[in-house]
Amino acid sequence: MKELIKLIKEARFCWIIGNGGSCSTAEHFATDLVKKGYPAIALSSNTALITMIANDYGYAEIFIKQLQVYASKDDLLITISCSGTSSNIVFALSLAKQKGLKTYEFEKFTKDRDFGKLEDKHLKFAHEVAKAL
């Protein structure tokens, strides 16, 4: 938790991504960060934009197309994903590293592949981080 708090405090802007339930957690976490005074947005928040990107370029690019336009070297990309293997998450992490962004990945599956359990853990962690800021 200390590492993520430090990264958020140092970042110019926080970009947060996730799919499905993790998308909801990403949006919730971004809201909590903004409430605490930290610039953040979940890249799933603009449905017109993500559906245009998905339609014109493919779902795998819904995050990288946005990061190419918006993100800068002093930013932070936070990924929330149970598996961490979705192509849109993998591509976003790769692009972030190419652009010099710092990255932070929420815990991913190890042996126990219980989505509900890990998604609950992600939301609890997000709340703990926001509370500590």
Protein backbone atom coordinates (compact mmCIF):
# COMPACT_ATOMS: atom_id res chain seq x y z
CA MET A 1 0.00 0.00 0.00
CA LYS A 2 2.83 2.40 0.83
CA GLU A 3 4.26 2.00 -2.67
CA LEU A 4 0.96 2.91 -4.35
CA ILE A 5 0.40 5.89 -2.05
CA LYS A 6 3.87 7.21 -2.90
CA LEU A 7 3.24 6.74 -6.64
CA ILE A 8 -0.12 8.53 -6.47
CA LYS A 9 1.38 11.47 -4.56
CA GLU A 10 4.21 11.80 -7.09
CA ALA A 11 2.09 11.39 -10.23
CA ARG A 12 0.97 14.25 -12.44
CA PHE A 13 -2.15 12.22 -13.24
CA CYS A 14 -3.48 8.74 -12.44
CA TRP A 15 -5.01 6.64 -15.21
CA ILE A 16 -6.92 3.61 -13.92
CA ILE A 17 -8.10 0.66 -16.01
CA GLY A 18 -9.99 -2.58 -15.59
CA ASN A 19 -12.61 -4.79 -17.27
CA GLY A 20 -15.98 -5.99 -15.96
CA GLY A 21 -16.14 -5.82 -12.16
CA SER A 22 -12.62 -4.39 -12.17
CA CYS A 23 -13.87 -1.58 -14.40
CA SER A 24 -16.36 -0.64 -11.69
CA THR A 25 -13.61 -0.71 -9.08
CA ALA A 26 -11.40 1.45 -11.32
CA GLU A 27 -14.15 4.05 -11.65
CA HIS A 28 -14.87 3.95 -7.92
CA PHE A 29 -11.16 4.31 -7.08
CA ALA A 30 -10.76 7.25 -9.48
CA THR A 31 -13.71 8.95 -7.80
CA ASP A 32 -12.17 8.43 -4.36
CA LEU A 33 -8.82 9.83 -5.53
CA VAL A 34 -10.41 12.94 -7.02
CA LYS A 35 -12.39 13.44 -3.81
CA LYS A 36 -9.05 13.41 -1.96
CA GLY A 37 -7.62 15.99 -4.38
CA TYR A 38 -5.59 13.73 -6.68
CA PRO A 39 -6.09 13.99 -10.45
CA ALA A 40 -7.41 10.64 -11.68
CA ILE A 41 -9.80 9.08 -14.16
CA ALA A 42 -10.82 5.59 -15.14
CA LEU A 43 -10.31 5.17 -18.87
CA SER A 44 -13.58 3.26 -19.06
CA SER A 45 -15.62 6.33 -18.07
CA ASN A 46 -16.28 7.71 -21.56
CA THR A 47 -18.51 5.08 -23.16
CA ALA A 48 -18.81 6.95 -26.47
CA LEU A 49 -15.02 7.03 -26.77
CA ILE A 50 -14.37 3.42 -25.77
CA THR A 51 -17.11 2.08 -28.05
CA MET A 52 -15.72 4.13 -30.96
CA ILE A 53 -12.24 2.75 -30.32
CA ALA A 54 -13.58 -0.80 -29.96
CA ASN A 55 -15.56 -0.44 -33.19
CA ASP A 56 -12.83 1.25 -35.26
CA TYR A 57 -9.67 -0.40 -33.88
CA GLY A 58 -10.73 -3.36 -31.72
CA TYR A 59 -11.44 -3.87 -28.05
CA ALA A 60 -7.79 -4.61 -27.30
CA GLU A 61 -6.98 -0.94 -28.00
CA ILE A 62 -9.61 0.81 -25.85
CA PHE A 63 -7.01 1.91 -23.32
CA ILE A 64 -3.89 2.41 -25.44
CA LYS A 65 -5.59 4.79 -27.88
CA GLN A 66 -6.52 7.00 -24.94
CA LEU A 67 -3.12 6.75 -23.29
CA GLN A 68 -1.42 7.67 -26.57
CA VAL A 69 -3.34 10.95 -26.58
CA TYR A 70 -3.58 11.82 -22.90
CA ALA A 71 -0.71 10.29 -20.94
CA SER A 72 2.65 11.87 -20.11
CA LYS A 73 5.87 10.55 -18.67
CA ASP A 74 5.11 11.81 -15.15
CA ASP A 75 1.81 9.94 -14.98
CA LEU A 76 0.81 6.70 -13.28
CA LEU A 77 -1.13 3.82 -14.83
CA ILE A 78 -2.99 1.67 -12.32
CA THR A 79 -4.38 -1.65 -13.54
CA ILE A 80 -7.08 -3.57 -11.74
CA SER A 81 -7.43 -7.05 -13.19
CA CYS A 82 -7.96 -10.50 -11.71
CA SER A 83 -5.88 -12.28 -14.34
CA GLY A 84 -3.82 -9.43 -15.77
CA THR A 85 -3.86 -11.22 -19.13
CA SER A 86 -6.58 -9.34 -21.04
CA SER A 87 -5.01 -7.89 -24.17
CA ASN A 88 -6.24 -4.36 -23.45
CA ILE A 89 -4.53 -4.46 -20.03
CA VAL A 90 -1.32 -6.01 -21.39
CA PHE A 91 -1.14 -3.49 -24.27
CA ALA A 92 -1.77 -0.56 -21.91
CA LEU A 93 1.04 -1.66 -19.57
CA SER A 94 3.40 -2.06 -22.50
CA LEU A 95 2.58 1.38 -23.90
CA ALA A 96 2.86 2.97 -20.46
CA LYS A 97 6.35 1.56 -20.04
CA GLN A 98 7.33 2.77 -23.54
CA LYS A 99 6.09 6.27 -22.69
CA GLY A 100 7.90 6.26 -19.34
CA LEU A 101 4.84 6.17 -17.09
CA LYS A 102 5.08 4.53 -13.73
CA THR A 103 2.77 1.55 -13.36
CA TYR A 104 1.06 -0.24 -10.50
CA GLU A 105 -0.82 -3.52 -10.85
CA PHE A 106 -3.39 -4.56 -8.27
CA GLU A 107 -3.02 -8.14 -7.01
CA LYS A 108 -3.75 -10.82 -9.61
CA PHE A 109 -4.79 -14.45 -9.31
CA THR A 110 -2.30 -16.88 -7.89
CA LYS A 111 -3.78 -20.32 -7.16
CA ASP A 112 -7.32 -19.39 -6.04
CA ARG A 113 -9.30 -18.22 -9.09
CA ASP A 114 -12.30 -16.90 -7.18
CA PHE A 115 -13.31 -13.70 -9.01
CA GLY A 116 -15.66 -12.46 -6.31
CA LYS A 117 -13.10 -12.91 -3.57
CA LEU A 118 -10.35 -11.07 -5.46
CA GLU A 119 -12.67 -8.30 -6.68
CA ASP A 120 -13.76 -7.72 -3.07
CA LYS A 121 -10.10 -7.60 -2.07
CA HIS A 122 -9.41 -5.03 -4.80
CA LEU A 123 -12.21 -2.74 -3.64
CA LYS A 124 -11.14 -3.03 -0.01
CA PHE A 125 -7.55 -2.20 -0.99
CA ALA A 126 -8.72 0.82 -3.02
CA HIS A 127 -10.69 2.09 -0.01
CA GLU A 128 -7.71 1.60 2.29
CA VAL A 129 -5.43 3.53 -0.07
CA ALA A 130 -7.91 6.39 -0.43
CA LYS A 131 -8.39 6.55 3.33
CA ALA A 132 -4.61 6.68 3.89
CA LEU A 133 -4.10 9.56 1.44
